């Protein structure tokens, strides 16, 4: 390969990376060392694996958040029985005409999103606790239930069909990404779904 061709290819490569960075994302080869951020995200080298990154500002430093490849082993893991539910009468005893239909104990509305609302025993998982549930995704404790005692959680789905088709009831190991402080607001939940784990940096600051 001659020098001019090499320079052209290198320039094109840099241009592609710049385009990703302008959109808030970049593709980076993880370095040889571990990087521990202030809110618990690690980078660990696995050969020459290329992962998608998000850059956010935390304190006076720029932290690199790997939203897609969070290293789960760094978080406490606990075995729970997880049951799917929806806002309808069969799950909650409420009908759409009920003023509190779809409203959780925390006051936020139920939602199925990148960070969904879930119910738990608040003595085990306080309001605002963020869990990662394999096969479901991230769940934020927003509700409680009379039948939810001990290591049991209820996962919100939008319809009864989704409950049966996508989950049902099963035992699963969940990861405690962040322990809640006994409260949850719509603003924090919206921020999580807009920014992902990076939103936790704003809480820490």
N, C-alpha and C. Protein backbone atom coordinates (compact mmCIF):
# COMPACT_ATOMS: atom_id res chain seq x y z
N UNK A 1 0.85 -1.19 0.00
CA UNK A 1 0.00 0.00 0.00
C UNK A 1 0.89 1.24 0.00
N UNK A 2 0.71 2.17 -0.98
CA UNK A 2 1.56 3.35 -1.00
C UNK A 2 1.13 4.36 0.05
N UNK A 3 2.00 5.37 0.24
CA UNK A 3 1.76 6.34 1.30
C UNK A 3 0.49 7.14 1.13
N UNK A 4 0.19 7.58 -0.10
CA UNK A 4 -0.99 8.39 -0.34
C UNK A 4 -2.28 7.63 -0.04
N UNK A 5 -2.29 6.37 -0.46
CA UNK A 5 -3.49 5.56 -0.22
C UNK A 5 -3.70 5.34 1.27
N UNK A 6 -2.60 5.10 1.99
CA UNK A 6 -2.69 4.89 3.45
C UNK A 6 -3.24 6.14 4.13
N UNK A 7 -2.74 7.32 3.73
CA UNK A 7 -3.21 8.57 4.32
C UNK A 7 -4.69 8.77 4.03
N UNK A 8 -5.14 8.43 2.81
CA UNK A 8 -6.55 8.59 2.45
C UNK A 8 -7.44 7.70 3.30
N UNK A 9 -7.01 6.44 3.49
CA UNK A 9 -7.79 5.50 4.30
C UNK A 9 -7.84 5.97 5.74
N UNK A 10 -6.70 6.45 6.26
CA UNK A 10 -6.64 6.94 7.65
C UNK A 10 -7.57 8.13 7.83
N UNK A 11 -7.56 9.05 6.85
CA UNK A 11 -8.42 10.23 6.93
C UNK A 11 -9.89 9.83 6.93
N UNK A 12 -10.25 8.84 6.10
CA UNK A 12 -11.62 8.36 6.04
C UNK A 12 -12.04 7.73 7.36
N UNK A 13 -11.14 6.96 7.95
CA UNK A 13 -11.41 6.32 9.23
C UNK A 13 -11.66 7.35 10.32
N UNK A 14 -10.83 8.40 10.35
CA UNK A 14 -10.99 9.47 11.35
C UNK A 14 -12.31 10.19 11.13
N UNK A 15 -12.69 10.40 9.86
CA UNK A 15 -13.95 11.06 9.55
C UNK A 15 -15.14 10.27 10.06
N UNK A 16 -15.10 8.94 9.90
CA UNK A 16 -16.19 8.08 10.38
C UNK A 16 -16.31 8.16 11.89
N UNK A 17 -15.15 8.10 12.58
CA UNK A 17 -15.18 8.19 14.04
C UNK A 17 -15.72 9.53 14.50
N UNK A 18 -15.34 10.60 13.81
CA UNK A 18 -15.83 11.93 14.16
C UNK A 18 -17.34 12.02 14.01
N UNK A 19 -17.86 11.38 12.97
CA UNK A 19 -19.31 11.39 12.76
C UNK A 19 -20.04 10.73 13.90
N UNK A 20 -19.51 9.58 14.38
CA UNK A 20 -20.13 8.92 15.53
C UNK A 20 -20.06 9.81 16.76
N UNK A 21 -18.92 10.44 16.99
CA UNK A 21 -18.73 11.27 18.18
C UNK A 21 -19.68 12.45 18.19
N UNK A 22 -19.97 13.02 17.02
CA UNK A 22 -20.86 14.18 16.96
C UNK A 22 -22.27 13.83 17.37
N UNK A 23 -22.61 12.56 17.32
CA UNK A 23 -23.94 12.11 17.71
C UNK A 23 -23.97 11.61 19.14
N UNK A 24 -22.87 11.79 19.86
CA UNK A 24 -22.81 11.36 21.25
C UNK A 24 -22.32 9.95 21.43
N UNK A 25 -21.93 9.27 20.37
CA UNK A 25 -21.47 7.90 20.46
C UNK A 25 -20.14 7.75 19.74
N UNK A 26 -19.36 6.79 20.15
CA UNK A 26 -18.13 6.47 19.46
C UNK A 26 -17.87 4.99 19.60
N UNK A 27 -17.05 4.47 18.75
CA UNK A 27 -16.66 3.07 18.85
C UNK A 27 -15.21 3.03 19.28
N UNK A 28 -14.97 2.45 20.44
CA UNK A 28 -13.65 2.47 21.04
C UNK A 28 -13.22 1.07 21.42
N UNK A 29 -11.95 0.77 21.20
CA UNK A 29 -11.41 -0.49 21.69
C UNK A 29 -11.07 -0.30 23.15
N UNK A 30 -11.60 -1.17 23.99
CA UNK A 30 -11.37 -1.06 25.43
C UNK A 30 -9.89 -1.23 25.72
N UNK A 31 -9.38 -0.40 26.63
CA UNK A 31 -7.95 -0.40 26.93
C UNK A 31 -7.51 -1.58 27.77
N UNK A 32 -6.21 -1.60 28.10
CA UNK A 32 -5.64 -2.72 28.84
C UNK A 32 -5.99 -2.67 30.32
N UNK A 33 -6.38 -1.50 30.82
CA UNK A 33 -6.62 -1.36 32.25
C UNK A 33 -8.11 -1.23 32.53
N UNK A 34 -8.46 -1.44 33.81
CA UNK A 34 -9.85 -1.25 34.22
C UNK A 34 -10.09 0.22 34.51
N UNK A 35 -11.24 0.74 34.11
CA UNK A 35 -11.62 2.11 34.39
C UNK A 35 -12.87 2.07 35.25
N UNK A 36 -12.78 2.55 36.49
CA UNK A 36 -13.91 2.56 37.40
C UNK A 36 -14.44 3.98 37.49
N UNK A 37 -15.68 4.20 37.07
CA UNK A 37 -16.24 5.54 37.14
C UNK A 37 -16.81 5.79 38.52
N UNK A 38 -17.22 7.04 38.77
CA UNK A 38 -17.75 7.40 40.08
C UNK A 38 -19.11 6.78 40.34
N UNK A 39 -19.75 6.25 39.31
CA UNK A 39 -21.06 5.64 39.53
C UNK A 39 -21.09 4.19 39.07
N UNK A 40 -19.95 3.50 39.19
CA UNK A 40 -19.95 2.05 39.16
C UNK A 40 -19.91 1.38 37.82
N UNK A 41 -19.44 2.04 36.77
CA UNK A 41 -19.35 1.40 35.47
C UNK A 41 -17.89 1.10 35.17
N UNK A 42 -17.60 -0.09 34.70
CA UNK A 42 -16.24 -0.50 34.40
C UNK A 42 -16.05 -0.70 32.91
N UNK A 43 -14.81 -0.54 32.49
CA UNK A 43 -14.40 -1.00 31.18
C UNK A 43 -13.39 -2.11 31.39
N UNK A 44 -13.57 -3.22 30.75
CA UNK A 44 -12.66 -4.34 30.89
C UNK A 44 -12.28 -4.83 29.51
N UNK A 45 -11.01 -5.00 29.27
CA UNK A 45 -10.56 -5.46 27.96
C UNK A 45 -10.93 -6.92 27.76
N UNK A 46 -11.50 -7.19 26.60
CA UNK A 46 -11.78 -8.56 26.20
C UNK A 46 -11.25 -8.73 24.78
N UNK A 47 -9.95 -8.96 24.67
CA UNK A 47 -9.32 -9.03 23.37
C UNK A 47 -9.36 -7.65 22.72
N UNK A 48 -9.80 -7.60 21.48
CA UNK A 48 -9.94 -6.33 20.78
C UNK A 48 -11.41 -6.00 20.54
N UNK A 49 -12.25 -6.34 21.51
CA UNK A 49 -13.70 -6.13 21.38
C UNK A 49 -14.00 -4.64 21.21
N UNK A 50 -14.86 -4.31 20.29
CA UNK A 50 -15.27 -2.93 20.05
C UNK A 50 -16.68 -2.76 20.56
N UNK A 51 -16.89 -1.74 21.43
CA UNK A 51 -18.19 -1.54 22.04
C UNK A 51 -18.65 -0.11 21.81
N UNK A 52 -19.98 0.10 21.95
CA UNK A 52 -20.56 1.42 21.77
C UNK A 52 -20.49 2.18 23.09
N UNK A 53 -20.10 3.45 23.05
CA UNK A 53 -19.90 4.24 24.25
C UNK A 53 -20.75 5.50 24.23
N UNK A 54 -21.08 5.99 25.42
CA UNK A 54 -21.71 7.29 25.57
C UNK A 54 -20.82 8.14 26.48
N UNK A 55 -20.55 9.37 26.11
CA UNK A 55 -19.73 10.25 26.92
C UNK A 55 -20.62 11.26 27.63
N UNK A 56 -20.44 11.39 28.95
CA UNK A 56 -21.21 12.35 29.73
C UNK A 56 -20.27 13.11 30.64
N UNK A 57 -20.75 14.21 31.18
CA UNK A 57 -19.94 15.00 32.10
C UNK A 57 -20.34 14.68 33.52
N UNK A 58 -19.38 14.33 34.35
CA UNK A 58 -19.65 14.05 35.76
C UNK A 58 -18.55 14.71 36.57
N UNK A 59 -18.95 15.54 37.56
CA UNK A 59 -18.01 16.38 38.29
C UNK A 59 -17.21 17.19 37.27
N UNK A 60 -15.87 17.17 37.37
CA UNK A 60 -15.07 17.93 36.42
C UNK A 60 -14.44 17.01 35.39
N UNK A 61 -14.84 15.73 35.40
CA UNK A 61 -14.25 14.76 34.50
C UNK A 61 -15.27 14.30 33.47
N UNK A 62 -14.79 13.80 32.35
CA UNK A 62 -15.67 13.20 31.35
C UNK A 62 -15.62 11.69 31.55
N UNK A 63 -16.78 11.12 31.86
CA UNK A 63 -16.85 9.70 32.09
C UNK A 63 -17.37 9.01 30.84
N UNK A 64 -16.89 7.81 30.59
CA UNK A 64 -17.35 7.04 29.44
C UNK A 64 -18.30 5.96 29.93
N UNK A 65 -19.53 6.02 29.45
CA UNK A 65 -20.56 5.09 29.89
C UNK A 65 -20.84 4.09 28.79
N UNK A 66 -20.80 2.83 29.15
CA UNK A 66 -21.07 1.77 28.20
C UNK A 66 -22.49 1.28 28.49
N UNK A 67 -23.49 1.91 27.86
CA UNK A 67 -24.88 1.59 28.17
C UNK A 67 -25.24 0.19 27.75
N UNK A 68 -24.67 -0.28 26.65
CA UNK A 68 -25.06 -1.57 26.11
C UNK A 68 -24.33 -2.74 26.75
N UNK A 69 -23.14 -2.47 27.30
CA UNK A 69 -22.31 -3.55 27.82
C UNK A 69 -21.89 -3.33 29.26
N UNK A 70 -22.84 -2.93 30.11
CA UNK A 70 -22.53 -2.78 31.52
C UNK A 70 -21.99 -4.09 32.06
N UNK A 71 -20.92 -4.03 32.84
CA UNK A 71 -20.33 -5.24 33.39
C UNK A 71 -21.12 -5.62 34.64
N UNK A 72 -22.00 -6.58 34.48
CA UNK A 72 -22.96 -6.89 35.55
C UNK A 72 -22.33 -7.52 36.76
N UNK A 73 -21.22 -8.23 36.59
CA UNK A 73 -20.63 -8.95 37.70
C UNK A 73 -20.18 -8.04 38.84
N UNK A 74 -20.04 -6.76 38.58
CA UNK A 74 -19.61 -5.83 39.62
C UNK A 74 -20.74 -5.49 40.59
N UNK A 75 -21.99 -5.83 40.21
CA UNK A 75 -23.14 -5.48 41.03
C UNK A 75 -23.60 -6.67 41.88
N UNK A 76 -24.18 -6.38 43.07
CA UNK A 76 -24.74 -7.47 43.89
C UNK A 76 -25.82 -8.20 43.11
N UNK A 77 -25.85 -9.51 43.27
CA UNK A 77 -26.82 -10.34 42.56
C UNK A 77 -27.69 -11.06 43.57
N UNK A 78 -28.97 -11.14 43.29
CA UNK A 78 -29.88 -11.82 44.20
C UNK A 78 -30.92 -12.59 43.39
N UNK A 79 -31.30 -13.74 43.90
CA UNK A 79 -32.30 -14.59 43.25
C UNK A 79 -33.69 -14.16 43.68
N UNK A 80 -34.57 -13.94 42.70
CA UNK A 80 -35.95 -13.54 43.01
C UNK A 80 -36.92 -14.35 42.17
N UNK A 81 -38.18 -14.32 42.58
CA UNK A 81 -39.26 -14.83 41.75
C UNK A 81 -39.92 -13.62 41.10
N UNK A 82 -39.88 -13.56 39.79
CA UNK A 82 -40.40 -12.40 39.06
C UNK A 82 -41.67 -12.80 38.31
N UNK A 83 -42.72 -12.02 38.50
CA UNK A 83 -44.02 -12.27 37.87
C UNK A 83 -44.41 -11.08 37.01
N UNK A 84 -44.90 -11.34 35.84
CA UNK A 84 -45.37 -10.26 34.99
C UNK A 84 -46.74 -9.78 35.42
N UNK A 85 -47.00 -8.50 35.25
CA UNK A 85 -48.34 -7.96 35.53
C UNK A 85 -48.61 -6.79 34.58
N UNK A 86 -49.86 -6.37 34.53
CA UNK A 86 -50.21 -5.18 33.76
C UNK A 86 -51.19 -4.36 34.58
N UNK A 87 -51.59 -3.21 34.07
CA UNK A 87 -52.39 -2.29 34.88
C UNK A 87 -53.85 -2.69 35.00
N UNK A 88 -54.27 -3.72 34.26
CA UNK A 88 -55.67 -4.12 34.23
C UNK A 88 -56.20 -4.76 35.49
N UNK A 89 -57.50 -5.01 35.47
CA UNK A 89 -58.23 -5.50 36.65
C UNK A 89 -57.68 -6.82 37.17
N UNK A 90 -57.30 -7.72 36.26
CA UNK A 90 -56.82 -9.03 36.70
C UNK A 90 -55.56 -8.94 37.55
N UNK A 91 -54.74 -7.93 37.30
CA UNK A 91 -53.49 -7.78 38.05
C UNK A 91 -53.61 -6.83 39.24
N UNK A 92 -54.38 -5.76 39.07
CA UNK A 92 -54.38 -4.71 40.10
C UNK A 92 -55.72 -4.49 40.78
N UNK A 93 -56.78 -5.09 40.22
CA UNK A 93 -58.11 -4.86 40.78
C UNK A 93 -58.68 -3.50 40.40
N UNK A 94 -58.04 -2.80 39.46
CA UNK A 94 -58.50 -1.48 39.06
C UNK A 94 -58.93 -1.49 37.60
N UNK A 95 -59.92 -0.64 37.30
CA UNK A 95 -60.40 -0.48 35.94
C UNK A 95 -59.95 0.88 35.40
N UNK A 96 -59.91 1.04 34.08
CA UNK A 96 -59.46 2.31 33.50
C UNK A 96 -60.22 3.53 34.03
N UNK A 97 -61.45 3.36 34.49
CA UNK A 97 -62.23 4.48 35.02
C UNK A 97 -61.78 4.88 36.43
N UNK A 98 -60.98 4.04 37.06
CA UNK A 98 -60.48 4.34 38.40
C UNK A 98 -59.47 5.47 38.33
N UNK A 99 -59.60 6.52 39.16
CA UNK A 99 -58.66 7.65 39.13
C UNK A 99 -57.20 7.23 39.38
N UNK A 100 -57.01 6.13 40.09
CA UNK A 100 -55.64 5.70 40.38
C UNK A 100 -55.14 4.61 39.43
N UNK A 101 -55.90 4.38 38.36
CA UNK A 101 -55.50 3.36 37.38
C UNK A 101 -54.15 3.72 36.77
N UNK A 102 -53.22 2.76 36.81
CA UNK A 102 -51.90 2.98 36.22
C UNK A 102 -50.97 3.85 37.04
N UNK A 103 -51.38 4.19 38.26
CA UNK A 103 -50.53 5.01 39.13
C UNK A 103 -49.91 4.12 40.20
N UNK A 104 -48.60 4.18 40.35
CA UNK A 104 -47.90 3.34 41.32
C UNK A 104 -47.91 3.96 42.71
N UNK A 105 -47.45 3.19 43.68
CA UNK A 105 -47.36 3.66 45.06
C UNK A 105 -46.47 4.90 45.17
N UNK A 106 -45.45 5.00 44.33
CA UNK A 106 -44.54 6.14 44.36
C UNK A 106 -45.17 7.40 43.78
N UNK A 107 -46.26 7.23 43.03
CA UNK A 107 -46.92 8.36 42.40
C UNK A 107 -46.64 8.47 40.92
N UNK A 108 -45.64 7.74 40.41
CA UNK A 108 -45.34 7.80 38.98
C UNK A 108 -46.26 6.85 38.23
N UNK A 109 -46.44 7.10 36.95
CA UNK A 109 -47.27 6.24 36.12
C UNK A 109 -46.47 5.01 35.69
N UNK A 110 -47.18 3.90 35.54
CA UNK A 110 -46.52 2.69 35.05
C UNK A 110 -46.00 2.93 33.64
N UNK A 111 -44.90 2.28 33.30
CA UNK A 111 -44.38 2.40 31.94
C UNK A 111 -43.49 1.21 31.62
N UNK A 112 -43.50 0.85 30.34
CA UNK A 112 -42.58 -0.17 29.81
C UNK A 112 -41.65 0.57 28.86
N UNK A 113 -40.39 0.69 29.26
CA UNK A 113 -39.44 1.52 28.53
C UNK A 113 -38.06 0.92 28.72
N UNK A 114 -37.02 1.66 28.34
CA UNK A 114 -35.66 1.19 28.63
C UNK A 114 -35.51 0.94 30.12
N UNK A 115 -36.10 1.83 30.91
CA UNK A 115 -36.16 1.67 32.37
C UNK A 115 -37.64 1.63 32.74
N UNK A 116 -38.13 0.43 33.04
CA UNK A 116 -39.55 0.20 33.28
C UNK A 116 -39.86 0.26 34.77
N UNK A 117 -41.12 0.49 35.08
CA UNK A 117 -41.54 0.46 36.48
C UNK A 117 -41.81 -0.99 36.90
N UNK A 118 -41.38 -1.32 38.09
CA UNK A 118 -41.62 -2.65 38.64
C UNK A 118 -42.08 -2.50 40.09
N UNK A 119 -42.60 -3.58 40.65
CA UNK A 119 -43.06 -3.58 42.04
C UNK A 119 -42.22 -4.57 42.84
N UNK A 120 -42.03 -4.26 44.13
CA UNK A 120 -41.19 -5.10 44.97
C UNK A 120 -41.59 -4.93 46.43
N UNK A 121 -41.03 -5.78 47.27
CA UNK A 121 -41.14 -5.61 48.71
C UNK A 121 -40.19 -4.47 49.08
N UNK A 122 -40.74 -3.36 49.55
CA UNK A 122 -39.92 -2.17 49.78
C UNK A 122 -38.94 -2.34 50.94
N UNK A 123 -39.12 -3.37 51.73
CA UNK A 123 -38.13 -3.66 52.78
C UNK A 123 -36.87 -4.27 52.18
N UNK A 124 -37.03 -4.91 51.04
CA UNK A 124 -35.90 -5.54 50.35
C UNK A 124 -35.31 -4.59 49.30
N UNK A 125 -36.19 -4.01 48.50
CA UNK A 125 -35.78 -3.09 47.43
C UNK A 125 -36.57 -1.79 47.60
N UNK A 126 -35.99 -0.77 48.22
CA UNK A 126 -36.69 0.50 48.43
C UNK A 126 -37.09 1.16 47.11
N UNK A 127 -38.06 2.05 47.19
CA UNK A 127 -38.45 2.82 46.01
C UNK A 127 -37.22 3.48 45.38
N UNK A 128 -37.18 3.46 44.05
CA UNK A 128 -36.05 4.05 43.34
C UNK A 128 -34.91 3.10 43.06
N UNK A 129 -34.98 1.88 43.61
CA UNK A 129 -33.93 0.89 43.34
C UNK A 129 -33.96 0.51 41.87
N UNK A 130 -32.78 0.44 41.26
CA UNK A 130 -32.68 0.07 39.86
C UNK A 130 -32.10 -1.34 39.77
N UNK A 131 -32.86 -2.23 39.18
CA UNK A 131 -32.43 -3.61 38.99
C UNK A 131 -32.23 -3.87 37.51
N UNK A 132 -31.28 -4.77 37.21
CA UNK A 132 -31.21 -5.28 35.85
C UNK A 132 -31.72 -6.71 35.88
N UNK A 133 -32.77 -6.97 35.11
CA UNK A 133 -33.41 -8.28 35.09
C UNK A 133 -33.15 -8.92 33.73
N UNK A 134 -32.30 -9.94 33.66
CA UNK A 134 -32.02 -10.59 32.37
C UNK A 134 -33.31 -11.07 31.70
N UNK A 135 -33.45 -10.76 30.42
CA UNK A 135 -34.65 -11.14 29.69
C UNK A 135 -35.74 -10.10 29.72
N UNK A 136 -35.60 -9.11 30.61
CA UNK A 136 -36.59 -8.04 30.74
C UNK A 136 -35.97 -6.67 30.51
N UNK A 137 -34.79 -6.47 31.12
CA UNK A 137 -34.13 -5.18 31.02
C UNK A 137 -34.05 -4.51 32.38
N UNK A 138 -33.90 -3.19 32.36
CA UNK A 138 -33.81 -2.44 33.61
C UNK A 138 -35.20 -2.21 34.19
N UNK A 139 -35.32 -2.38 35.50
CA UNK A 139 -36.56 -2.10 36.20
C UNK A 139 -36.29 -1.17 37.36
N UNK A 140 -37.16 -0.20 37.55
CA UNK A 140 -37.03 0.76 38.65
C UNK A 140 -38.19 0.51 39.61
N UNK A 141 -37.88 0.27 40.85
CA UNK A 141 -38.91 -0.03 41.84
C UNK A 141 -39.76 1.22 42.07
N UNK A 142 -41.04 1.11 41.70
CA UNK A 142 -41.97 2.22 41.81
C UNK A 142 -43.21 1.86 42.60
N UNK A 143 -43.39 0.57 42.89
CA UNK A 143 -44.66 0.12 43.45
C UNK A 143 -44.43 -1.00 44.44
N UNK A 144 -45.49 -1.31 45.18
CA UNK A 144 -45.49 -2.45 46.09
C UNK A 144 -46.79 -3.19 45.89
N UNK A 145 -46.95 -4.31 46.56
CA UNK A 145 -48.18 -5.08 46.41
C UNK A 145 -48.41 -5.95 47.63
N UNK A 146 -49.67 -6.22 47.91
CA UNK A 146 -50.00 -7.01 49.09
C UNK A 146 -49.44 -8.41 49.05
N UNK A 147 -49.28 -8.97 47.85
CA UNK A 147 -48.78 -10.34 47.73
C UNK A 147 -47.27 -10.39 47.48
N UNK A 148 -46.65 -9.23 47.45
CA UNK A 148 -45.20 -9.19 47.19
C UNK A 148 -44.47 -9.13 48.52
N UNK A 149 -43.92 -10.26 48.90
CA UNK A 149 -43.21 -10.36 50.18
C UNK A 149 -41.87 -11.05 49.95
N UNK A 150 -40.83 -10.50 50.54
CA UNK A 150 -39.50 -11.11 50.42
C UNK A 150 -38.92 -10.89 49.03
N UNK A 151 -38.25 -11.89 48.55
CA UNK A 151 -37.55 -11.78 47.27
C UNK A 151 -38.47 -12.11 46.10
N UNK A 152 -39.48 -11.28 45.95
CA UNK A 152 -40.41 -11.37 44.84
C UNK A 152 -40.53 -9.99 44.21
N UNK A 153 -40.65 -9.95 42.90
CA UNK A 153 -40.86 -8.70 42.19
C UNK A 153 -41.92 -8.91 41.12
N UNK A 154 -42.62 -7.83 40.78
CA UNK A 154 -43.58 -7.85 39.69
C UNK A 154 -43.07 -6.94 38.59
N UNK A 155 -43.06 -7.44 37.35
CA UNK A 155 -42.55 -6.70 36.21
C UNK A 155 -43.70 -6.18 35.37
N UNK A 156 -43.69 -4.88 35.10
CA UNK A 156 -44.81 -4.29 34.37
C UNK A 156 -44.72 -4.55 32.87
N UNK A 157 -45.86 -4.93 32.29
CA UNK A 157 -46.03 -5.05 30.84
C UNK A 157 -47.28 -4.27 30.45
N UNK A 158 -47.34 -3.86 29.20
CA UNK A 158 -48.44 -2.99 28.77
C UNK A 158 -49.77 -3.71 28.59
N UNK A 159 -49.73 -5.00 28.26
CA UNK A 159 -50.97 -5.74 28.05
C UNK A 159 -50.90 -7.11 28.71
N UNK A 160 -52.09 -7.70 28.89
CA UNK A 160 -52.16 -9.05 29.45
C UNK A 160 -51.49 -10.04 28.52
N UNK A 161 -51.62 -9.84 27.21
CA UNK A 161 -50.99 -10.73 26.24
C UNK A 161 -49.46 -10.68 26.38
N UNK A 162 -48.92 -9.49 26.60
CA UNK A 162 -47.48 -9.36 26.78
C UNK A 162 -47.01 -10.11 28.02
N UNK A 163 -47.81 -10.06 29.07
CA UNK A 163 -47.46 -10.78 30.30
C UNK A 163 -47.29 -12.27 30.02
N UNK A 164 -48.26 -12.85 29.33
CA UNK A 164 -48.22 -14.29 29.08
C UNK A 164 -47.20 -14.67 28.00
N UNK A 165 -47.11 -13.84 26.96
CA UNK A 165 -46.23 -14.19 25.85
C UNK A 165 -44.76 -13.91 26.13
N UNK A 166 -44.48 -12.89 26.93
CA UNK A 166 -43.10 -12.47 27.13
C UNK A 166 -42.50 -12.88 28.46
N UNK A 167 -43.32 -13.19 29.46
CA UNK A 167 -42.73 -13.49 30.76
C UNK A 167 -43.44 -14.59 31.54
N UNK A 168 -44.62 -14.30 32.04
CA UNK A 168 -45.28 -15.25 32.93
C UNK A 168 -44.75 -15.11 34.35
N UNK A 169 -44.13 -16.19 34.83
CA UNK A 169 -43.56 -16.19 36.17
C UNK A 169 -42.32 -17.08 36.16
N UNK A 170 -41.23 -16.59 36.71
CA UNK A 170 -40.00 -17.38 36.70
C UNK A 170 -39.04 -16.91 37.79
N UNK A 171 -38.14 -17.80 38.16
CA UNK A 171 -37.04 -17.44 39.07
C UNK A 171 -35.88 -16.93 38.23
N UNK A 172 -35.26 -15.87 38.69
CA UNK A 172 -34.19 -15.25 37.91
C UNK A 172 -33.22 -14.53 38.84
N UNK A 173 -31.96 -14.48 38.46
CA UNK A 173 -30.96 -13.70 39.19
C UNK A 173 -31.02 -12.26 38.68
N UNK A 174 -31.24 -11.31 39.59
CA UNK A 174 -31.27 -9.90 39.20
C UNK A 174 -30.08 -9.18 39.82
N UNK A 175 -29.69 -8.07 39.18
CA UNK A 175 -28.52 -7.31 39.62
C UNK A 175 -28.96 -5.96 40.16
N UNK A 176 -28.45 -5.62 41.34
CA UNK A 176 -28.81 -4.35 41.98
C UNK A 176 -27.84 -3.28 41.49
N UNK A 177 -28.28 -2.52 40.49
CA UNK A 177 -27.43 -1.49 39.89
C UNK A 177 -27.34 -0.27 40.79
N UNK A 178 -28.44 0.07 41.43
CA UNK A 178 -28.45 1.21 42.35
C UNK A 178 -29.56 0.98 43.37
N UNK A 179 -29.20 1.12 44.66
CA UNK A 179 -30.21 0.96 45.70
C UNK A 179 -30.93 2.28 45.91
N UNK A 180 -32.25 2.22 45.92
CA UNK A 180 -33.05 3.43 46.04
C UNK A 180 -33.03 4.03 47.44
N UNK A 181 -33.53 5.25 47.53
CA UNK A 181 -33.56 5.99 48.79
C UNK A 181 -34.97 6.17 49.30
N UNK A 182 -35.90 5.38 48.77
CA UNK A 182 -37.27 5.42 49.29
C UNK A 182 -38.18 6.39 48.57
N UNK A 183 -37.76 6.89 47.41
CA UNK A 183 -38.62 7.79 46.65
C UNK A 183 -38.30 7.65 45.17
N UNK A 184 -39.27 8.05 44.34
CA UNK A 184 -39.09 8.03 42.89
C UNK A 184 -39.97 9.11 42.30
N UNK A 185 -39.44 9.86 41.36
CA UNK A 185 -40.20 10.92 40.70
C UNK A 185 -40.26 10.68 39.20
N UNK A 186 -41.25 11.30 38.56
CA UNK A 186 -41.36 11.22 37.11
C UNK A 186 -40.13 11.84 36.45
N UNK A 187 -39.61 12.90 37.05
CA UNK A 187 -38.45 13.59 36.47
C UNK A 187 -37.25 12.67 36.42
N UNK A 188 -37.00 11.92 37.52
CA UNK A 188 -35.86 11.01 37.53
C UNK A 188 -36.05 9.87 36.55
N UNK A 189 -37.27 9.35 36.47
CA UNK A 189 -37.56 8.24 35.57
C UNK A 189 -37.42 8.70 34.11
N UNK A 190 -37.88 9.91 33.82
CA UNK A 190 -37.72 10.45 32.47
C UNK A 190 -36.25 10.62 32.13
N UNK A 191 -35.48 11.11 33.10
CA UNK A 191 -34.05 11.34 32.89
C UNK A 191 -33.33 10.03 32.62
N UNK A 192 -33.71 8.98 33.36
CA UNK A 192 -33.11 7.67 33.13
C UNK A 192 -33.37 7.18 31.71
N UNK A 193 -34.58 7.36 31.25
CA UNK A 193 -34.92 6.87 29.92
C UNK A 193 -34.35 7.72 28.80
N UNK A 194 -33.98 8.96 29.12
CA UNK A 194 -33.33 9.81 28.12
C UNK A 194 -31.83 9.61 28.08
N UNK A 195 -31.21 9.44 29.25
CA UNK A 195 -29.76 9.43 29.34
C UNK A 195 -29.17 8.09 29.76
N UNK A 196 -30.02 7.15 30.19
CA UNK A 196 -29.50 5.88 30.65
C UNK A 196 -28.79 6.01 31.99
N UNK A 197 -27.83 5.13 32.22
CA UNK A 197 -27.12 5.10 33.50
C UNK A 197 -26.41 6.41 33.78
N UNK A 198 -26.10 7.18 32.73
CA UNK A 198 -25.45 8.46 32.92
C UNK A 198 -26.26 9.38 33.83
N UNK A 199 -27.57 9.19 33.89
CA UNK A 199 -28.41 10.04 34.74
C UNK A 199 -28.06 9.89 36.20
N UNK A 200 -27.49 8.75 36.59
CA UNK A 200 -27.12 8.53 37.98
C UNK A 200 -25.99 9.44 38.43
N UNK A 201 -25.18 9.90 37.48
CA UNK A 201 -24.09 10.82 37.81
C UNK A 201 -24.65 12.12 38.32
N UNK A 202 -25.79 12.56 37.76
CA UNK A 202 -26.39 13.80 38.18
C UNK A 202 -26.96 13.69 39.58
N UNK A 203 -27.46 12.48 39.92
CA UNK A 203 -27.95 12.26 41.28
C UNK A 203 -26.78 12.29 42.26
N UNK A 204 -25.66 11.67 41.87
CA UNK A 204 -24.48 11.62 42.74
C UNK A 204 -23.91 13.00 43.00
N UNK A 205 -24.07 13.90 42.04
CA UNK A 205 -23.54 15.25 42.19
C UNK A 205 -24.57 16.18 42.79
